[in-house]
Amino acid sequence: MKHLATYLMLVLGGNDAPTADDVTTALAKVGIEPDTEMLNKMISDLEGKDLDELLETGKGMLASFGGGGGGGGGGGGGGGGDEAPAEEEKEEEVEEEEMDLGGGMDMFGGEEGGGDY
């Protein structure tokens, strides 16, 4: 795939018939070492053929694959991540006042203080 992509980029750049050396040089510029056997086979397969005609034939072949199923929708996206975190609004804490029950009641309904539980 890297060989064909490089070949097509060279054609788009104005080289009507890139050679294996042209493709090798372009790949070397980005640090990729080509598979020379596959590259030579690809170049010999493309030699003498009209690239536009090949692309049209390939497009027709892709149409026979179909569009595939609809598939489910993706999950909701997470937060942006690039934005600064929003400052949390501090709510004013309202102190609740305790009602004075006159000391006549405790949790168990008895008198305040004295007595075992």
PDB file of N, CA and C in Angstrom:
ATOM      1  N   MET A   1       0.828  -1.187   0.000  1.00  0.00           N
ATOM      2  CA  MET A   1       0.000   0.000   0.000  1.00  0.00           C
ATOM      3  C   MET A   1       0.878   1.259   0.000  1.00  0.00           C
ATOM      4  N   LYS A   2       1.971   1.224   0.762  1.00  0.00           N
ATOM      5  CA  LYS A   2       2.843   2.404   0.794  1.00  0.00           C
ATOM      6  C   LYS A   2       3.469   2.663  -0.570  1.00  0.00           C
ATOM      7  N   HIS A   3       3.730   1.588  -1.320  1.00  0.00           N
ATOM      8  CA  HIS A   3       4.318   1.744  -2.646  1.00  0.00           C
ATOM      9  C   HIS A   3       3.328   2.414  -3.599  1.00  0.00           C
ATOM     10  N   LEU A   4       2.103   1.929  -3.585  1.00  0.00           N
ATOM     11  CA  LEU A   4       1.084   2.480  -4.476  1.00  0.00           C
ATOM     12  C   LEU A   4       0.754   3.927  -4.106  1.00  0.00           C
ATOM     13  N   ALA A   5       0.653   4.195  -2.803  1.00  0.00           N
ATOM     14  CA  ALA A   5       0.359   5.562  -2.365  1.00  0.00           C
ATOM     15  C   ALA A   5       1.472   6.515  -2.811  1.00  0.00           C
ATOM     16  N   THR A   6       2.703   6.089  -2.690  1.00  0.00           N
ATOM     17  CA  THR A   6       3.835   6.927  -3.107  1.00  0.00           C
ATOM     18  C   THR A   6       3.828   7.115  -4.619  1.00  0.00           C
ATOM     19  N   TYR A   7       3.545   6.038  -5.342  1.00  0.00           N
ATOM     20  CA  TYR A   7       3.466   6.103  -6.800  1.00  0.00           C
ATOM     21  C   TYR A   7       2.413   7.130  -7.220  1.00  0.00           C
ATOM     22  N   LEU A   8       1.230   7.060  -6.599  1.00  0.00           N
ATOM     23  CA  LEU A   8       0.147   7.984  -6.935  1.00  0.00           C
ATOM     24  C   LEU A   8       0.504   9.432  -6.583  1.00  0.00           C
ATOM     25  N   MET A   9       1.203   9.638  -5.474  1.00  0.00           N
ATOM     26  CA  MET A   9       1.617  10.998  -5.110  1.00  0.00           C
ATOM     27  C   MET A   9       2.618  11.539  -6.124  1.00  0.00           C
ATOM     28  N   LEU A  10       3.506  10.678  -6.607  1.00  0.00           N
ATOM     29  CA  LEU A  10       4.457  11.117  -7.625  1.00  0.00           C
ATOM     30  C   LEU A  10       3.745  11.492  -8.926  1.00  0.00           C
ATOM     31  N   VAL A  11       2.716  10.722  -9.287  1.00  0.00           N
ATOM     32  CA  VAL A  11       1.936  11.042 -10.494  1.00  0.00           C
ATOM     33  C   VAL A  11       1.229  12.385 -10.304  1.00  0.00           C
ATOM     34  N   LEU A  12       0.619  12.577  -9.126  1.00  0.00           N
ATOM     35  CA  LEU A  12      -0.049  13.851  -8.853  1.00  0.00           C
ATOM     36  C   LEU A  12       0.932  15.017  -8.866  1.00  0.00           C
ATOM     37  N   GLY A  13       2.188  14.742  -8.514  1.00  0.00           N
ATOM     38  CA  GLY A  13       3.225  15.774  -8.504  1.00  0.00           C
ATOM     39  C   GLY A  13       3.785  16.083  -9.880  1.00  0.00           C
ATOM     40  N   GLY A  14       3.321  15.367 -10.908  1.00  0.00           N
ATOM     41  CA  GLY A  14       3.755  15.690 -12.261  1.00  0.00           C
ATOM     42  C   GLY A  14       4.601  14.628 -12.937  1.00  0.00           C
ATOM     43  N   ASN A  15       4.987  13.570 -12.251  1.00  0.00           N
ATOM     44  CA  ASN A  15       5.770  12.497 -12.855  1.00  0.00           C
ATOM     45  C   ASN A  15       4.787  11.487 -13.454  1.00  0.00           C
ATOM     46  N   ASP A  16       4.673  11.482 -14.780  1.00  0.00           N
ATOM     47  CA  ASP A  16       3.677  10.635 -15.445  1.00  0.00           C
ATOM     48  C   ASP A  16       3.961   9.147 -15.342  1.00  0.00           C
ATOM     49  N   ALA A  17       5.230   8.782 -15.217  1.00  0.00           N
ATOM     50  CA  ALA A  17       5.588   7.357 -15.153  1.00  0.00           C
ATOM     51  C   ALA A  17       6.708   7.149 -14.138  1.00  0.00           C
ATOM     52  N   PRO A  18       6.380   7.171 -12.839  1.00  0.00           N
ATOM     53  CA  PRO A  18       7.419   6.990 -11.821  1.00  0.00           C
ATOM     54  C   PRO A  18       8.078   5.611 -11.937  1.00  0.00           C
ATOM     55  N   THR A  19       9.388   5.589 -11.726  1.00  0.00           N
ATOM     56  CA  THR A  19      10.132   4.336 -11.741  1.00  0.00           C
ATOM     57  C   THR A  19      10.262   3.817 -10.316  1.00  0.00           C
ATOM     58  N   ALA A  20      10.782   2.608 -10.195  1.00  0.00           N
ATOM     59  CA  ALA A  20      11.019   2.032  -8.868  1.00  0.00           C
ATOM     60  C   ALA A  20      12.007   2.896  -8.089  1.00  0.00           C
ATOM     61  N   ASP A  21      12.987   3.474  -8.790  1.00  0.00           N
ATOM     62  CA  ASP A  21      13.952   4.357  -8.123  1.00  0.00           C
ATOM     63  C   ASP A  21      13.276   5.628  -7.609  1.00  0.00           C
ATOM     64  N   ASP A  22      12.324   6.161  -8.385  1.00  0.00           N
ATOM     65  CA  ASP A  22      11.591   7.348  -7.944  1.00  0.00           C
ATOM     66  C   ASP A  22      10.816   7.063  -6.658  1.00  0.00           C
ATOM     67  N   VAL A  23      10.135   5.920  -6.630  1.00  0.00           N
ATOM     68  CA  VAL A  23       9.345   5.549  -5.449  1.00  0.00           C
ATOM     69  C   VAL A  23      10.270   5.293  -4.264  1.00  0.00           C
ATOM     70  N   THR A  24      11.395   4.606  -4.505  1.00  0.00           N
ATOM     71  CA  THR A  24      12.359   4.316  -3.437  1.00  0.00           C
ATOM     72  C   THR A  24      12.917   5.605  -2.851  1.00  0.00           C
ATOM     73  N   THR A  25      13.249   6.569  -3.707  1.00  0.00           N
ATOM     74  CA  THR A  25      13.791   7.852  -3.249  1.00  0.00           C
ATOM     75  C   THR A  25      12.761   8.603  -2.410  1.00  0.00           C
ATOM     76  N   ALA A  26      11.512   8.624  -2.868  1.00  0.00           N
ATOM     77  CA  ALA A  26      10.458   9.332  -2.122  1.00  0.00           C
ATOM     78  C   ALA A  26      10.224   8.686  -0.763  1.00  0.00           C
ATOM     79  N   LEU A  27      10.210   7.360  -0.716  1.00  0.00           N
ATOM     80  CA  LEU A  27      10.009   6.681   0.565  1.00  0.00           C
ATOM     81  C   LEU A  27      11.195   6.894   1.500  1.00  0.00           C
ATOM     82  N   ALA A  28      12.416   6.903   0.939  1.00  0.00           N
ATOM     83  CA  ALA A  28      13.621   7.095   1.762  1.00  0.00           C
ATOM     84  C   ALA A  28      13.634   8.470   2.423  1.00  0.00           C
ATOM     85  N   LYS A  29      13.039   9.457   1.752  1.00  0.00           N
ATOM     86  CA  LYS A  29      13.009  10.818   2.315  1.00  0.00           C
ATOM     87  C   LYS A  29      12.208  10.893   3.613  1.00  0.00           C
ATOM     88  N   VAL A  30      11.287   9.955   3.798  1.00  0.00           N
ATOM     89  CA  VAL A  30      10.500   9.943   5.034  1.00  0.00           C
ATOM     90  C   VAL A  30      10.873   8.758   5.932  1.00  0.00           C
ATOM     91  N   GLY A  31      12.012   8.133   5.621  1.00  0.00           N
ATOM     92  CA  GLY A  31      12.542   7.092   6.491  1.00  0.00           C
ATOM     93  C   GLY A  31      11.908   5.718   6.324  1.00  0.00           C
ATOM     94  N   ILE A  32      11.336   5.447   5.161  1.00  0.00           N
ATOM     95  CA  ILE A  32      10.696   4.149   4.932  1.00  0.00           C
ATOM     96  C   ILE A  32      11.518   3.367   3.914  1.00  0.00           C
ATOM     97  N   GLU A  33      11.803   2.126   4.253  1.00  0.00           N
ATOM     98  CA  GLU A  33      12.543   1.260   3.340  1.00  0.00           C
ATOM     99  C   GLU A  33      11.539   0.398   2.570  1.00  0.00           C
ATOM    100  N   PRO A  34      11.572   0.464   1.240  1.00  0.00           N
ATOM    101  CA  PRO A  34      10.585  -0.283   0.457  1.00  0.00           C
ATOM    102  C   PRO A  34      10.919  -1.776   0.372  1.00  0.00           C
ATOM    103  N   ASP A  35       9.905  -2.555   0.092  1.00  0.00           N
ATOM    104  CA  ASP A  35      10.082  -3.977  -0.211  1.00  0.00           C
ATOM    105  C   ASP A  35      10.342  -4.018  -1.717  1.00  0.00           C
ATOM    106  N   THR A  36      11.588  -4.175  -2.116  1.00  0.00           N
ATOM    107  CA  THR A  36      11.961  -4.031  -3.524  1.00  0.00           C
ATOM    108  C   THR A  36      11.270  -5.051  -4.420  1.00  0.00           C
ATOM    109  N   GLU A  37      11.063  -6.260  -3.925  1.00  0.00           N
ATOM    110  CA  GLU A  37      10.393  -7.280  -4.740  1.00  0.00           C
ATOM    111  C   GLU A  37       8.956  -6.859  -5.060  1.00  0.00           C
ATOM    112  N   MET A  38       8.223  -6.420  -4.026  1.00  0.00           N
ATOM    113  CA  MET A  38       6.835  -5.983  -4.245  1.00  0.00           C
ATOM    114  C   MET A  38       6.780  -4.723  -5.105  1.00  0.00           C
ATOM    115  N   LEU A  39       7.730  -3.808  -4.871  1.00  0.00           N
ATOM    116  CA  LEU A  39       7.763  -2.561  -5.634  1.00  0.00           C
ATOM    117  C   LEU A  39       8.009  -2.844  -7.117  1.00  0.00           C
ATOM    118  N   ASN A  40       8.972  -3.695  -7.402  1.00  0.00           N
ATOM    119  CA  ASN A  40       9.269  -4.022  -8.799  1.00  0.00           C
ATOM    120  C   ASN A  40       8.081  -4.696  -9.479  1.00  0.00           C
ATOM    121  N   LYS A  41       7.379  -5.566  -8.756  1.00  0.00           N
ATOM    122  CA  LYS A  41       6.198  -6.228  -9.314  1.00  0.00           C
ATOM    123  C   LYS A  41       5.104  -5.203  -9.609  1.00  0.00           C
ATOM    124  N   MET A  42       4.895  -4.270  -8.675  1.00  0.00           N
ATOM    125  CA  MET A  42       3.876  -3.241  -8.871  1.00  0.00           C
ATOM    126  C   MET A  42       4.210  -2.369 -10.084  1.00  0.00           C
ATOM    127  N   ILE A  43       5.470  -1.962 -10.195  1.00  0.00           N
ATOM    128  CA  ILE A  43       5.892  -1.114 -11.314  1.00  0.00           C
ATOM    129  C   ILE A  43       5.687  -1.851 -12.635  1.00  0.00           C
ATOM    130  N   SER A  44       6.037  -3.148 -12.679  1.00  0.00           N
ATOM    131  CA  SER A  44       5.858  -3.898 -13.926  1.00  0.00           C
ATOM    132  C   SER A  44       4.378  -4.101 -14.243  1.00  0.00           C
ATOM    133  N   ASP A  45       3.520  -4.252 -13.208  1.00  0.00           N
ATOM    134  CA  ASP A  45       2.078  -4.387 -13.426  1.00  0.00           C
ATOM    135  C   ASP A  45       1.457  -3.093 -13.956  1.00  0.00           C
ATOM    136  N   LEU A  46       1.987  -1.953 -13.533  1.00  0.00           N
ATOM    137  CA  LEU A  46       1.443  -0.658 -13.948  1.00  0.00           C
ATOM    138  C   LEU A  46       2.032  -0.155 -15.264  1.00  0.00           C
ATOM    139  N   GLU A  47       3.134  -0.748 -15.689  1.00  0.00           N
ATOM    140  CA  GLU A  47       3.838  -0.269 -16.881  1.00  0.00           C
ATOM    141  C   GLU A  47       2.947  -0.332 -18.126  1.00  0.00           C
ATOM    142  N   GLY A  48       2.850   0.806 -18.810  1.00  0.00           N
ATOM    143  CA  GLY A  48       2.093   0.882 -20.053  1.00  0.00           C
ATOM    144  C   GLY A  48       0.587   0.991 -19.887  1.00  0.00           C
ATOM    145  N   LYS A  49       0.119   1.110 -18.669  1.00  0.00           N
ATOM    146  CA  LYS A  49      -1.329   1.195 -18.440  1.00  0.00           C
ATOM    147  C   LYS A  49      -1.721   2.623 -18.109  1.00  0.00           C
ATOM    148  N   ASP A  50      -2.934   2.987 -18.508  1.00  0.00           N
ATOM    149  CA  ASP A  50      -3.473   4.310 -18.229  1.00  0.00           C
ATOM    150  C   ASP A  50      -3.997   4.345 -16.789  1.00  0.00           C
ATOM    151  N   LEU A  51      -3.417   5.208 -15.988  1.00  0.00           N
ATOM    152  CA  LEU A  51      -3.766   5.265 -14.564  1.00  0.00           C
ATOM    153  C   LEU A  51      -5.230   5.659 -14.352  1.00  0.00           C
ATOM    154  N   ASP A  52      -5.739   6.595 -15.144  1.00  0.00           N
ATOM    155  CA  ASP A  52      -7.143   7.011 -15.004  1.00  0.00           C
ATOM    156  C   ASP A  52      -8.088   5.839 -15.273  1.00  0.00           C
ATOM    157  N   GLU A  53      -7.744   5.041 -16.283  1.00  0.00           N
ATOM    158  CA  GLU A  53      -8.562   3.871 -16.615  1.00  0.00           C
ATOM    159  C   GLU A  53      -8.521   2.838 -15.486  1.00  0.00           C
ATOM    160  N   LEU A  54      -7.344   2.647 -14.905  1.00  0.00           N
ATOM    161  CA  LEU A  54      -7.218   1.709 -13.780  1.00  0.00           C
ATOM    162  C   LEU A  54      -8.047   2.152 -12.577  1.00  0.00           C
ATOM    163  N   LEU A  55      -8.020   3.456 -12.318  1.00  0.00           N
ATOM    164  CA  LEU A  55      -8.782   3.986 -11.180  1.00  0.00           C
ATOM    165  C   LEU A  55     -10.286   3.819 -11.404  1.00  0.00           C
ATOM    166  N   GLU A  56     -10.751   4.053 -12.626  1.00  0.00           N
ATOM    167  CA  GLU A  56     -12.175   3.869 -12.930  1.00  0.00           C
ATOM    168  C   GLU A  56     -12.587   2.406 -12.769  1.00  0.00           C
ATOM    169  N   THR A  57     -11.735   1.494 -13.245  1.00  0.00           N
ATOM    170  CA  THR A  57     -12.013   0.062 -13.101  1.00  0.00           C
ATOM    171  C   THR A  57     -12.078  -0.318 -11.621  1.00  0.00           C
ATOM    172  N   GLY A  58     -11.144   0.209 -10.864  1.00  0.00           N
ATOM    173  CA  GLY A  58     -11.122  -0.073  -9.424  1.00  0.00           C
ATOM    174  C   GLY A  58     -12.332   0.486  -8.711  1.00  0.00           C
ATOM    175  N   LYS A  59     -12.783   1.658  -9.144  1.00  0.00           N
ATOM    176  CA  LYS A  59     -13.973   2.269  -8.534  1.00  0.00           C
ATOM    177  C   LYS A  59     -15.202   1.399  -8.787  1.00  0.00           C
ATOM    178  N   GLY A  60     -15.284   0.849  -9.998  1.00  0.00           N
ATOM    179  CA  GLY A  60     -16.395  -0.051 -10.314  1.00  0.00           C
ATOM    180  C   GLY A  60     -16.350  -1.317  -9.472  1.00  0.00           C
ATOM    181  N   MET A  61     -15.154  -1.810  -9.215  1.00  0.00           N
ATOM    182  CA  MET A  61     -15.008  -3.013  -8.381  1.00  0.00           C
ATOM    183  C   MET A  61     -15.413  -2.723  -6.933  1.00  0.00           C
ATOM    184  N   LEU A  62     -15.083  -1.527  -6.447  1.00  0.00           N
ATOM    185  CA  LEU A  62     -15.448  -1.162  -5.077  1.00  0.00           C
ATOM    186  C   LEU A  62     -16.959  -1.079  -4.910  1.00  0.00           C
ATOM    187  N   ALA A  63     -17.654  -0.669  -5.963  1.00  0.00           N
ATOM    188  CA  ALA A  63     -19.107  -0.547  -5.898  1.00  0.00           C
ATOM    189  C   ALA A  63     -19.756  -1.903  -5.667  1.00  0.00           C
ATOM    190  N   SER A  64     -19.119  -2.974  -6.137  1.00  0.00           N
ATOM    191  CA  SER A  64     -19.695  -4.307  -5.964  1.00  0.00           C
ATOM    192  C   SER A  64     -19.576  -4.811  -4.525  1.00  0.00           C
ATOM    193  N   PHE A  65     -18.749  -4.170  -3.715  1.00  0.00           N
ATOM    194  CA  PHE A  65     -18.616  -4.573  -2.316  1.00  0.00           C
ATOM    195  C   PHE A  65     -19.836  -4.176  -1.489  1.00  0.00           C
ATOM    196  N   GLY A  66     -20.552  -3.182  -1.915  1.00  0.00           N
ATOM    197  CA  GLY A  66     -21.714  -2.717  -1.152  1.00  0.00           C
ATOM    198  C   GLY A  66     -21.301  -1.671  -0.139  1.00  0.00           C
ATOM    199  N   GLY A  67     -22.312  -1.095   0.474  1.00  0.00           N
ATOM    200  CA  GLY A  67     -22.059   0.000   1.405  1.00  0.00           C
ATOM    201  C   GLY A  67     -21.913  -0.440   2.839  1.00  0.00           C
ATOM    202  N   GLY A  68     -22.219  -1.684   3.134  1.00  0.00           N
ATOM    203  CA  GLY A  68     -22.111  -2.136   4.513  1.00  0.00           C
ATOM    204  C   GLY A  68     -23.346  -1.773   5.308  1.00  0.00           C
ATOM    205  N   GLY A  69     -23.396  -2.220   6.529  1.00  0.00           N
ATOM    206  CA  GLY A  69     -24.536  -1.952   7.396  1.00  0.00           C
ATOM    207  C   GLY A  69     -24.445  -0.592   8.034  1.00  0.00           C
ATOM    208  N   GLY A  70     -25.554  -0.202   8.617  1.00  0.00           N
ATOM    209  CA  GLY A  70     -25.609   1.113   9.240  1.00  0.00           C
ATOM    210  C   GLY A  70     -24.753   1.187  10.489  1.00  0.00           C
ATOM    211  N   GLY A  71     -24.728   0.116  11.264  1.00  0.00           N
ATOM    212  CA  GLY A  71     -23.934   0.154  12.490  1.00  0.00           C
ATOM    213  C   GLY A  71     -24.541   1.092  13.508  1.00  0.00           C
ATOM    214  N   GLY A  72     -24.257   0.866  14.725  1.00  0.00           N
ATOM    215  CA  GLY A  72     -24.788   1.719  15.786  1.00  0.00           C
ATOM    216  C   GLY A  72     -24.069   3.042  15.835  1.00  0.00           C
ATOM    217  N   GLY A  73     -24.728   3.994  16.394  1.00  0.00           N
ATOM    218  CA  GLY A  73     -24.101   5.299  16.565  1.00  0.00           C
ATOM    219  C   GLY A  73     -23.024   5.205  17.639  1.00  0.00           C
ATOM    220  N   GLY A  74     -22.077   6.043  17.556  1.00  0.00           N
ATOM    221  CA  GLY A  74     -20.993   6.061  18.540  1.00  0.00           C
ATOM    222  C   GLY A  74     -21.500   6.597  19.872  1.00  0.00           C
ATOM    223  N   GLY A  75     -20.777   6.286  20.890  1.00  0.00           N
ATOM    224  CA  GLY A  75     -21.124   6.794  22.216  1.00  0.00           C
ATOM    225  C   GLY A  75     -20.900   8.291  22.269  1.00  0.00           C
ATOM    226  N   GLY A  76     -21.423   8.902  23.259  1.00  0.00           N
ATOM    227  CA  GLY A  76     -21.240  10.333  23.423  1.00  0.00           C
ATOM    228  C   GLY A  76     -19.779  10.651  23.651  1.00  0.00           C
ATOM    229  N   GLY A  77     -19.367  11.772  23.150  1.00  0.00           N
ATOM    230  CA  GLY A  77     -17.973  12.174  23.306  1.00  0.00           C
ATOM    231  C   GLY A  77     -17.703  12.641  24.723  1.00  0.00           C
ATOM    232  N   GLY A  78     -16.476  12.508  25.117  1.00  0.00           N
ATOM    233  CA  GLY A  78     -16.068  12.976  26.433  1.00  0.00           C
ATOM    234  C   GLY A  78     -15.886  14.482  26.414  1.00  0.00           C
ATOM    235  N   GLY A  79     -15.403  15.011  27.477  1.00  0.00           N
ATOM    236  CA  GLY A  79     -15.152  16.444  27.554  1.00  0.00           C
ATOM    237  C   GLY A  79     -14.079  16.842  26.566  1.00  0.00           C
ATOM    238  N   GLY A  80     -14.023  18.109  26.250  1.00  0.00           N
ATOM    239  CA  GLY A  80     -13.083  18.617  25.267  1.00  0.00           C
ATOM    240  C   GLY A  80     -11.633  18.352  25.616  1.00  0.00           C
ATOM    241  N   GLY A  81     -11.259  18.478  26.840  1.00  0.00           N
ATOM    242  CA  GLY A  81      -9.904  18.220  27.247  1.00  0.00           C
ATOM    243  C   GLY A  81      -8.962  19.384  26.997  1.00  0.00           C
ATOM    244  N   ASP A  82      -9.225  20.193  25.983  1.00  0.00           N
ATOM    245  CA  ASP A  82      -8.346  21.302  25.667  1.00  0.00           C
ATOM    246  C   ASP A  82      -8.691  22.553  26.468  1.00  0.00           C
ATOM    247  N   GLU A  83      -9.890  22.586  26.965  1.00  0.00           N
ATOM    248  CA  GLU A  83     -10.333  23.773  27.672  1.00  0.00           C
ATOM    249  C   GLU A  83      -9.862  23.720  29.126  1.00  0.00           C
ATOM    250  N   ALA A  84      -9.686  24.894  29.697  1.00  0.00           N
ATOM    251  CA  ALA A  84      -9.328  24.955  31.108  1.00  0.00           C
ATOM    252  C   ALA A  84     -10.532  24.502  31.925  1.00  0.00           C
ATOM    253  N   PRO A  85     -10.274  23.788  33.015  1.00  0.00           N
ATOM    254  CA  PRO A  85     -11.419  23.341  33.806  1.00  0.00           C
ATOM    255  C   PRO A  85     -12.209  24.520  34.362  1.00  0.00           C
ATOM    256  N   ALA A  86     -13.498  24.383  34.304  1.00  0.00           N
ATOM    257  CA  ALA A  86     -14.370  25.453  34.805  1.00  0.00           C
ATOM    258  C   ALA A  86     -14.249  25.531  36.328  1.00  0.00           C
ATOM    259  N   GLU A  87     -14.224  26.748  36.820  1.00  0.00           N
ATOM    260  CA  GLU A  87     -14.144  26.899  38.266  1.00  0.00           C
ATOM    261  C   GLU A  87     -15.485  26.534  38.878  1.00  0.00           C
ATOM    262  N   GLU A  88     -15.411  25.760  39.927  1.00  0.00           N
ATOM    263  CA  GLU A  88     -16.651  25.363  40.591  1.00  0.00           C
ATOM    264  C   GLU A  88     -17.188  26.544  41.385  1.00  0.00           C
ATOM    265  N   GLU A  89     -18.471  26.710  41.264  1.00  0.00           N
ATOM    266  CA  GLU A  89     -19.085  27.779  42.028  1.00  0.00           C
ATOM    267  C   GLU A  89     -19.217  27.323  43.476  1.00  0.00           C
ATOM    268  N   LYS A  90     -18.754  28.169  44.342  1.00  0.00           N
ATOM    269  CA  LYS A  90     -18.847  27.826  45.760  1.00  0.00           C
ATOM    270  C   LYS A  90     -20.215  28.263  46.265  1.00  0.00           C
ATOM    271  N   GLU A  91     -20.909  27.298  46.799  1.00  0.00           N
ATOM    272  CA  GLU A  91     -22.215  27.625  47.356  1.00  0.00           C
ATOM    273  C   GLU A  91     -22.019  28.123  48.781  1.00  0.00           C
ATOM    274  N   GLU A  92     -22.815  29.102  49.112  1.00  0.00           N
ATOM    275  CA  GLU A  92     -22.730  29.598  50.480  1.00  0.00           C
ATOM    276  C   GLU A  92     -23.325  28.562  51.409  1.00  0.00           C
ATOM    277  N   GLU A  93     -22.536  28.249  52.396  1.00  0.00           N
ATOM    278  CA  GLU A  93     -23.032  27.265  53.347  1.00  0.00           C
ATOM    279  C   GLU A  93     -23.924  27.977  54.367  1.00  0.00           C
ATOM    280  N   VAL A  94     -25.146  27.506  54.453  1.00  0.00           N
ATOM    281  CA  VAL A  94     -26.087  28.086  55.394  1.00  0.00           C
ATOM    282  C   VAL A  94     -26.131  27.170  56.614  1.00  0.00           C
ATOM    283  N   GLU A  95     -25.786  27.748  57.732  1.00  0.00           N
ATOM    284  CA  GLU A  95     -25.817  26.942  58.953  1.00  0.00           C
ATOM    285  C   GLU A  95     -27.254  26.798  59.416  1.00  0.00           C
ATOM    286  N   GLU A  96     -27.601  25.565  59.692  1.00  0.00           N
ATOM    287  CA  GLU A  96     -28.950  25.329  60.192  1.00  0.00           C
ATOM    288  C   GLU A  96     -28.943  25.502  61.709  1.00  0.00           C
ATOM    289  N   GLU A  97     -29.954  26.161  62.163  1.00  0.00           N
ATOM    290  CA  GLU A  97     -30.062  26.339  63.603  1.00  0.00           C
ATOM    291  C   GLU A  97     -30.784  25.145  64.203  1.00  0.00           C
ATOM    292  N   GLU A  98     -30.293  24.701  65.332  1.00  0.00           N
ATOM    293  CA  GLU A  98     -30.964  23.592  66.009  1.00  0.00           C
ATOM    294  C   GLU A  98     -32.072  24.149  66.881  1.00  0.00           C
ATOM    295  N   MET A  99     -33.171  23.459  66.843  1.00  0.00           N
ATOM    296  CA  MET A  99     -34.300  23.895  67.671  1.00  0.00           C
ATOM    297  C   MET A  99     -34.062  23.443  69.107  1.00  0.00           C
ATOM    298  N   ASP A 100     -34.365  24.292  70.002  1.00  0.00           N
ATOM    299  CA  ASP A 100     -34.275  23.929  71.403  1.00  0.00           C
ATOM    300  C   ASP A 100     -35.596  23.292  71.810  1.00  0.00           C
ATOM    301  N   LEU A 101     -35.529  22.014  72.149  1.00  0.00           N
ATOM    302  CA  LEU A 101     -36.722  21.278  72.532  1.00  0.00           C
ATOM    303  C   LEU A 101     -36.976  21.358  74.043  1.00  0.00           C
ATOM    304  N   GLY A 102     -36.296  22.224  74.655  1.00  0.00           N
ATOM    305  CA  GLY A 102     -36.522  22.419  76.079  1.00  0.00           C
ATOM    306  C   GLY A 102     -35.891  21.336  76.942  1.00  0.00           C
ATOM    307  N   GLY A 103     -35.047  20.527  76.379  1.00  0.00           N
ATOM    308  CA  GLY A 103     -34.347  19.521  77.153  1.00  0.00           C
ATOM    309  C   GLY A 103     -35.206  18.351  77.566  1.00  0.00           C
ATOM    310  N   GLY A 104     -36.436  18.278  77.142  1.00  0.00           N
ATOM    311  CA  GLY A 104     -37.302  17.220  77.589  1.00  0.00           C
ATOM    312  C   GLY A 104     -37.306  15.989  76.709  1.00  0.00           C
ATOM    313  N   MET A 105     -36.488  15.947  75.715  1.00  0.00           N
ATOM    314  CA  MET A 105     -36.561  14.811  74.819  1.00  0.00           C
ATOM    315  C   MET A 105     -35.164  14.400  74.404  1.00  0.00           C
ATOM    316  N   ASP A 106     -34.912  13.125  74.375  1.00  0.00           N
ATOM    317  CA  ASP A 106     -33.683  12.639  73.779  1.00  0.00           C
ATOM    318  C   ASP A 106     -34.043  11.616  72.708  1.00  0.00           C
ATOM    319  N   MET A 107     -33.089  10.980  72.180  1.00  0.00           N
ATOM    320  CA  MET A 107     -33.314  10.075  71.072  1.00  0.00           C
ATOM    321  C   MET A 107     -34.281   8.939  71.405  1.00  0.00           C
ATOM    322  N   PHE A 108     -34.259   8.501  72.626  1.00  0.00           N
ATOM    323  CA  PHE A 108     -35.088   7.356  73.003  1.00  0.00           C
ATOM    324  C   PHE A 108     -36.344   7.774  73.758  1.00  0.00           C
ATOM    325  N   GLY A 109     -36.624   9.046  73.769  1.00  0.00           N
ATOM    326  CA  GLY A 109     -37.859   9.510  74.366  1.00  0.00           C
ATOM    327  C   GLY A 109     -37.803   9.680  75.868  1.00  0.00           C
ATOM    328  N   GLY A 110     -36.669   9.462  76.439  1.00  0.00           N
ATOM    329  CA  GLY A 110     -36.554   9.585  77.899  1.00  0.00           C
ATOM    330  C   GLY A 110     -36.116  10.974  78.294  1.00  0.00           C
ATOM    331  N   GLU A 111     -35.895  11.152  79.568  1.00  0.00           N
ATOM    332  CA  GLU A 111     -35.402  12.411  80.081  1.00  0.00           C
ATOM    333  C   GLU A 111     -33.951  12.585  79.702  1.00  0.00           C
ATOM    334  N   GLU A 112     -33.508  13.809  79.630  1.00  0.00           N
ATOM    335  CA  GLU A 112     -32.132  14.088  79.276  1.00  0.00           C
ATOM    336  C   GLU A 112     -31.207  13.671  80.405  1.00  0.00           C
ATOM    337  N   GLY A 113     -30.120  12.993  80.036  1.00  0.00           N
ATOM    338  CA  GLY A 113     -29.129  12.593  81.026  1.00  0.00           C
ATOM    339  C   GLY A 113     -29.615  11.454  81.903  1.00  0.00           C
ATOM    340  N   GLY A 114     -28.797  10.961  82.764  1.00  0.00           N
ATOM    341  CA  GLY A 114     -29.091   9.940  83.761  1.00  0.00           C
ATOM    342  C   GLY A 114     -29.687   8.666  83.207  1.00  0.00           C
ATOM    343  N   GLY A 115     -29.585   7.576  83.451  1.00  0.00           N
ATOM    344  CA  GLY A 115     -30.248   6.367  82.971  1.00  0.00           C
ATOM    345  C   GLY A 115     -29.416   5.591  81.992  1.00  0.00           C
ATOM    346  N   ASP A 116     -29.530   4.315  82.145  1.00  0.00           N
ATOM    347  CA  ASP A 116     -28.804   3.409  81.232  1.00  0.00           C
ATOM    348  C   ASP A 116     -29.637   3.130  79.999  1.00  0.00           C
ATOM    349  N   TYR A 117     -28.977   2.816  79.002  1.00  0.00           N
ATOM    350  CA  TYR A 117     -29.668   2.489  77.761  1.00  0.00           C
ATOM    351  C   TYR A 117     -29.682   1.006  77.633  1.00  0.00           C
TER     352      TYR A 117
END
